[in-house]
Amino acid sequence: MPENNESLNEQDSVLNNLSPKLDIIYQDEQLIAINKPSGLLVHRSWLDSHATEFAVQKLRDQIGREVYPAHRLDRATSGVLLFLLDKSHATDLMEQFAQQSTEKRYLAVVRGHIGEGRLDYALKKKLDRIADKHADPDSEAQPAVTDYQGIAQCELPIAVRPYPQSRYSLVELSPKTGRRHQLRRHLKHLCHPIIGDTTHGDGPHNKMFREEFASHRLLLHAAYLAFRHPVSGHKVEIHAPLDNEFKSLLVTLGLQV
């Protein structure tokens, strides 16, 4: 069930361990990519007036020039975040994202033991009550497809009602469409919600992870992004390693790959 009354959720998480500098994992004359930490907003938003740090401003200050986000990444999700250094190439790159011609792979820790498959399950467009106040609330659901593959499993001797043990999986997720919160909503539909998801997740399991493992974040990481370079036309592949907190938790859970 959603945790509507949580004192700390992924939207309000504090960046206690944020490095003074962002981790740049790719750069050329036109593009730059960082390994975004969980909890960092991409840019300033009137939807969150409490945030004081933003990826756009931090990266701009770090490299001394303007940067332009090429796609979205939720505040709570860590991993590959791509920027343009020259916005004259924005149309080509953004069309690749819009047409789903890019390749994306995520890693997530989910409740239960999950196998392998494809979920083709349409999603209604998520509307913000302020930003989307003029949008049609009765619009048809949009096609949404996610491939998933469980790559490690564990069972812990920790009771989470109504079961005396608790089971989890490390899963690789490959979205074939780009709907808002698609992975989080699809995993909920599969009855394998992502741990730390306070909107679409499982409250008792999230609570257990906070109390037993001091894990207050969404366990979802954008590990890989591939696309066609807007100038050279060559395929670019970017890998974002897991942060130390995520890696340590996998070791503790016995979900090493």
Protein backbone atom coordinates (compact mmCIF):
# COMPACT_ATOMS: atom_id res chain seq x y z
CA MET A 1 0.00 0.00 0.00
CA PRO A 2 1.21 3.59 -0.59
CA GLU A 3 2.79 5.25 2.41
CA ASN A 4 0.93 8.54 2.43
CA ASN A 5 2.00 9.46 5.95
CA GLU A 6 5.68 8.59 5.83
CA SER A 7 7.89 11.07 7.62
CA LEU A 8 10.60 10.56 5.03
CA ASN A 9 9.88 9.62 1.43
CA GLU A 10 11.92 9.59 -1.73
CA GLN A 11 10.73 13.06 -2.78
CA ASP A 12 11.91 14.61 0.49
CA SER A 13 15.07 12.57 0.99
CA VAL A 14 18.12 14.43 2.23
CA LEU A 15 21.35 14.14 0.26
CA ASN A 16 23.47 13.35 3.29
CA ASN A 17 26.25 11.75 1.26
CA LEU A 18 26.24 13.96 -1.83
CA SER A 19 29.76 14.51 -3.15
CA PRO A 20 30.78 18.14 -3.68
CA LYS A 21 31.37 17.18 -7.30
CA LEU A 22 29.16 15.20 -9.62
CA ASP A 23 30.55 11.99 -11.11
CA ILE A 24 31.05 12.64 -14.83
CA ILE A 25 30.92 9.31 -16.67
CA TYR A 26 30.95 10.52 -20.30
CA GLN A 27 31.96 13.71 -22.11
CA ASP A 28 32.70 14.87 -25.65
CA GLU A 29 32.34 18.20 -27.44
CA GLN A 30 28.55 18.02 -27.64
CA LEU A 31 27.44 15.83 -24.71
CA ILE A 32 28.13 15.13 -21.06
CA ALA A 33 26.65 12.53 -18.72
CA ILE A 34 26.74 12.15 -14.95
CA ASN A 35 25.97 9.35 -12.53
CA LYS A 36 23.19 11.18 -10.69
CA PRO A 37 22.85 10.40 -6.98
CA SER A 38 19.47 9.45 -5.59
CA GLY A 39 17.63 12.46 -4.16
CA LEU A 40 19.05 15.08 -6.52
CA LEU A 41 16.56 17.01 -8.66
CA VAL A 42 17.51 17.50 -12.30
CA HIS A 43 16.59 21.19 -12.25
CA ARG A 44 14.87 23.74 -10.05
CA SER A 45 11.14 23.10 -9.81
CA TRP A 46 8.29 25.06 -8.30
CA LEU A 47 6.85 21.69 -7.35
CA ASP A 48 9.59 21.32 -4.72
CA SER A 49 10.43 24.61 -3.05
CA HIS A 50 12.56 22.97 -0.33
CA ALA A 51 15.31 21.56 -2.55
CA THR A 52 18.56 23.53 -2.59
CA GLU A 53 20.70 21.51 -5.00
CA PHE A 54 20.02 20.69 -8.64
CA ALA A 55 21.96 18.67 -11.20
CA VAL A 56 21.81 21.37 -13.90
CA GLN A 57 23.27 24.09 -11.67
CA LYS A 58 25.83 21.82 -9.99
CA LEU A 59 27.14 20.50 -13.31
CA ARG A 60 27.19 23.99 -14.86
CA ASP A 61 29.23 25.31 -11.95
CA GLN A 62 31.50 22.27 -11.98
CA ILE A 63 32.50 22.52 -15.66
CA GLY A 64 32.03 26.27 -16.12
CA ARG A 65 29.52 26.21 -18.99
CA GLU A 66 25.82 25.83 -19.66
CA VAL A 67 24.27 22.35 -19.84
CA TYR A 68 20.84 21.26 -21.12
CA PRO A 69 19.10 18.05 -19.92
CA ALA A 70 18.42 15.60 -22.77
CA HIS A 71 15.88 13.47 -20.87
CA ARG A 72 14.22 12.99 -17.50
CA LEU A 73 15.26 11.01 -14.45
CA ASP A 74 13.15 10.98 -11.30
CA ARG A 75 14.64 12.68 -8.28
CA ALA A 76 14.63 9.41 -6.34
CA THR A 77 16.31 7.39 -9.12
CA SER A 78 20.09 7.28 -9.42
CA GLY A 79 22.15 6.65 -12.53
CA VAL A 80 22.83 7.86 -16.07
CA LEU A 81 21.68 11.43 -16.73
CA LEU A 82 22.60 12.90 -20.12
CA PHE A 83 23.04 16.60 -20.95
CA LEU A 84 23.74 18.56 -24.11
CA LEU A 85 26.59 21.05 -24.15
CA ASP A 86 25.38 22.47 -27.44
CA LYS A 87 21.60 22.80 -27.57
CA SER A 88 21.62 23.05 -31.36
CA HIS A 89 21.64 19.22 -31.32
CA ALA A 90 18.71 18.97 -28.94
CA THR A 91 16.05 18.14 -31.53
CA ASP A 92 17.81 15.03 -32.85
CA LEU A 93 18.60 13.65 -29.42
CA MET A 94 15.23 14.39 -27.88
CA GLU A 95 13.49 12.75 -30.85
CA GLN A 96 15.44 9.58 -30.10
CA PHE A 97 14.06 9.59 -26.56
CA ALA A 98 10.55 10.47 -27.74
CA GLN A 99 10.56 7.69 -30.35
CA GLN A 100 12.03 5.16 -27.88
CA SER A 101 14.98 4.44 -30.15
CA THR A 102 17.37 4.68 -27.20
CA GLU A 103 18.26 1.64 -25.07
CA LYS A 104 17.89 1.80 -21.29
CA ARG A 105 18.58 -0.70 -18.55
CA TYR A 106 17.84 -0.27 -14.87
CA LEU A 107 18.61 -2.28 -11.75
CA ALA A 108 16.09 -2.51 -8.92
CA VAL A 109 15.49 -4.41 -5.71
CA VAL A 110 11.91 -5.68 -5.58
CA ARG A 111 9.71 -7.59 -3.18
CA GLY A 112 9.45 -11.33 -3.85
CA HIS A 113 11.16 -13.65 -6.30
CA ILE A 114 10.64 -12.51 -9.88
CA GLY A 115 11.42 -14.39 -13.08
CA GLU A 116 11.74 -13.19 -16.65
CA GLY A 117 9.20 -11.77 -19.04
CA ARG A 118 7.64 -8.81 -20.80
CA LEU A 119 4.82 -6.71 -19.38
CA ASP A 120 2.66 -5.00 -21.97
CA TYR A 121 0.29 -3.00 -19.79
CA ALA A 122 -1.08 0.40 -20.78
CA LEU A 123 -0.82 3.23 -18.24
CA LYS A 124 -3.06 6.23 -17.75
CA LYS A 125 -1.14 9.49 -17.98
CA LYS A 126 -0.24 10.70 -14.51
CA LEU A 127 -1.46 14.25 -14.02
CA ASP A 128 -0.19 16.84 -11.59
CA ARG A 129 -3.07 18.73 -9.99
CA ILE A 130 -1.37 22.07 -10.70
CA ALA A 131 0.86 21.63 -13.74
CA ASP A 132 -1.73 19.53 -15.60
CA LYS A 133 -4.89 21.21 -14.36
CA HIS A 134 -6.09 21.77 -17.95
CA ALA A 135 -5.35 18.23 -19.15
CA ASP A 136 -8.12 15.73 -19.83
CA PRO A 137 -8.37 13.42 -16.79
CA ASP A 138 -10.30 10.86 -18.85
CA SER A 139 -7.74 10.44 -21.62
CA GLU A 140 -7.07 6.89 -22.80
CA ALA A 141 -4.29 4.83 -21.29
CA GLN A 142 -1.02 4.92 -23.24
CA PRO A 143 0.82 1.78 -24.38
CA ALA A 144 3.62 0.83 -21.99
CA VAL A 145 6.04 -2.10 -22.31
CA THR A 146 8.77 -3.26 -19.93
CA ASP A 147 11.08 -6.26 -20.21
CA TYR A 148 12.25 -7.68 -16.88
CA GLN A 149 14.71 -10.36 -15.80
CA GLY A 150 15.44 -11.49 -12.26
CA ILE A 151 19.19 -11.86 -11.81
CA ALA A 152 19.56 -12.68 -8.09
CA GLN A 153 17.29 -13.73 -5.23
CA CYS A 154 17.43 -13.86 -1.46
CA GLU A 155 15.30 -14.91 1.50
CA LEU A 156 15.80 -13.19 4.86
CA PRO A 157 14.85 -14.50 8.32
CA ILE A 158 13.00 -11.25 8.99
CA ALA A 159 9.25 -11.35 9.41
CA VAL A 160 7.15 -8.93 7.42
CA ARG A 161 3.49 -9.62 8.06
CA PRO A 162 1.90 -11.96 7.30
CA TYR A 163 5.00 -14.05 6.48
CA PRO A 164 7.77 -15.24 8.85
CA GLN A 165 10.44 -14.64 6.17
CA SER A 166 10.87 -12.01 3.49
CA ARG A 167 11.98 -12.52 -0.11
CA TYR A 168 13.61 -10.06 -2.53
CA SER A 169 15.10 -10.02 -6.01
CA LEU A 170 17.59 -7.94 -7.91
CA VAL A 171 16.00 -7.38 -11.31
CA GLU A 172 17.12 -5.82 -14.58
CA LEU A 173 14.45 -3.67 -16.22
CA SER A 174 14.38 -2.51 -19.84
CA PRO A 175 11.58 -0.05 -20.59
CA LYS A 176 10.52 -0.03 -24.24
CA THR A 177 8.32 3.02 -23.74
CA GLY A 178 8.80 6.12 -21.63
CA ARG A 179 5.70 6.68 -19.51
CA ARG A 180 5.92 8.62 -16.27
CA HIS A 181 6.94 6.33 -13.38
CA GLN A 182 6.54 3.41 -15.79
CA LEU A 183 8.91 1.02 -14.02
CA ARG A 184 7.50 1.75 -10.59
CA ARG A 185 3.91 1.32 -11.79
CA HIS A 186 4.66 -1.79 -13.83
CA LEU A 187 6.43 -3.51 -10.95
CA LYS A 188 3.48 -2.72 -8.71
CA HIS A 189 1.19 -4.30 -11.32
CA LEU A 190 3.39 -7.42 -11.29
CA CYS A 191 3.04 -7.56 -7.47
CA HIS A 192 6.80 -7.04 -7.13
CA PRO A 193 6.99 -3.39 -6.03
CA ILE A 194 10.35 -1.65 -5.91
CA ILE A 195 11.73 -1.27 -2.40
CA GLY A 196 11.74 2.33 -1.21
CA ASP A 197 8.91 3.39 -3.51
CA THR A 198 6.61 5.36 -1.21
CA THR A 199 3.98 5.98 -3.90
CA HIS A 200 3.61 2.62 -5.65
CA GLY A 201 5.42 0.38 -3.18
CA ASP A 202 4.82 -1.80 -0.13
CA GLY A 203 4.76 0.12 3.16
CA PRO A 204 5.70 -2.69 5.58
CA HIS A 205 8.67 -3.80 3.45
CA ASN A 206 9.88 -0.21 3.03
CA LYS A 207 9.63 0.24 6.79
CA MET A 208 11.64 -2.92 7.39
CA PHE A 209 14.41 -1.70 5.07
CA ARG A 210 14.58 1.60 6.93
CA GLU A 211 14.72 -0.06 10.34
CA GLU A 212 16.95 -3.05 9.55
CA PHE A 213 19.27 -1.60 6.89
CA ALA A 214 18.95 2.20 7.32
CA SER A 215 17.88 2.33 3.66
CA HIS A 216 15.77 5.44 3.03
CA ARG A 217 16.05 5.59 -0.76
CA LEU A 218 14.30 4.19 -3.78
CA LEU A 219 16.28 1.14 -4.89
CA LEU A 220 16.15 1.93 -8.59
CA HIS A 221 19.26 2.76 -10.64
CA ALA A 222 19.61 3.73 -14.31
CA ALA A 223 22.62 1.57 -15.11
CA TYR A 224 22.91 1.84 -18.90
CA LEU A 225 21.97 4.19 -21.72
CA ALA A 226 22.69 3.78 -25.43
CA PHE A 227 21.79 6.15 -28.28
CA ARG A 228 22.95 7.42 -31.66
CA HIS A 229 25.33 10.37 -31.38
CA PRO A 230 23.62 13.45 -32.87
CA VAL A 231 26.80 14.52 -34.74
CA SER A 232 28.85 11.41 -35.57
CA GLY A 233 25.91 9.03 -35.89
CA HIS A 234 27.87 6.40 -33.96
CA LYS A 235 26.32 4.37 -31.17
CA VAL A 236 27.20 5.72 -27.72
CA GLU A 237 26.97 3.42 -24.69
CA ILE A 238 27.15 4.81 -21.16
CA HIS A 239 27.39 2.67 -18.03
CA ALA A 240 26.73 4.08 -14.55
CA PRO A 241 28.12 1.96 -11.69
CA LEU A 242 26.07 1.52 -8.54
CA ASP A 243 26.94 3.86 -5.69
CA ASN A 244 28.60 2.45 -2.57
CA GLU A 245 25.38 2.52 -0.52
CA PHE A 246 23.46 0.48 -3.09
CA LYS A 247 26.36 -1.96 -3.58
CA SER A 248 26.81 -2.47 0.18
CA LEU A 249 23.11 -3.17 0.59
CA LEU A 250 23.23 -5.82 -2.17
CA VAL A 251 26.12 -7.50 -0.35
CA THR A 252 24.20 -7.43 2.92
CA LEU A 253 21.13 -8.94 1.26
CA GLY A 254 23.16 -11.57 -0.57
CA LEU A 255 22.13 -10.20 -3.95
CA GLN A 256 25.62 -9.90 -5.42
CA VAL A 257 25.91 -10.45 -9.15
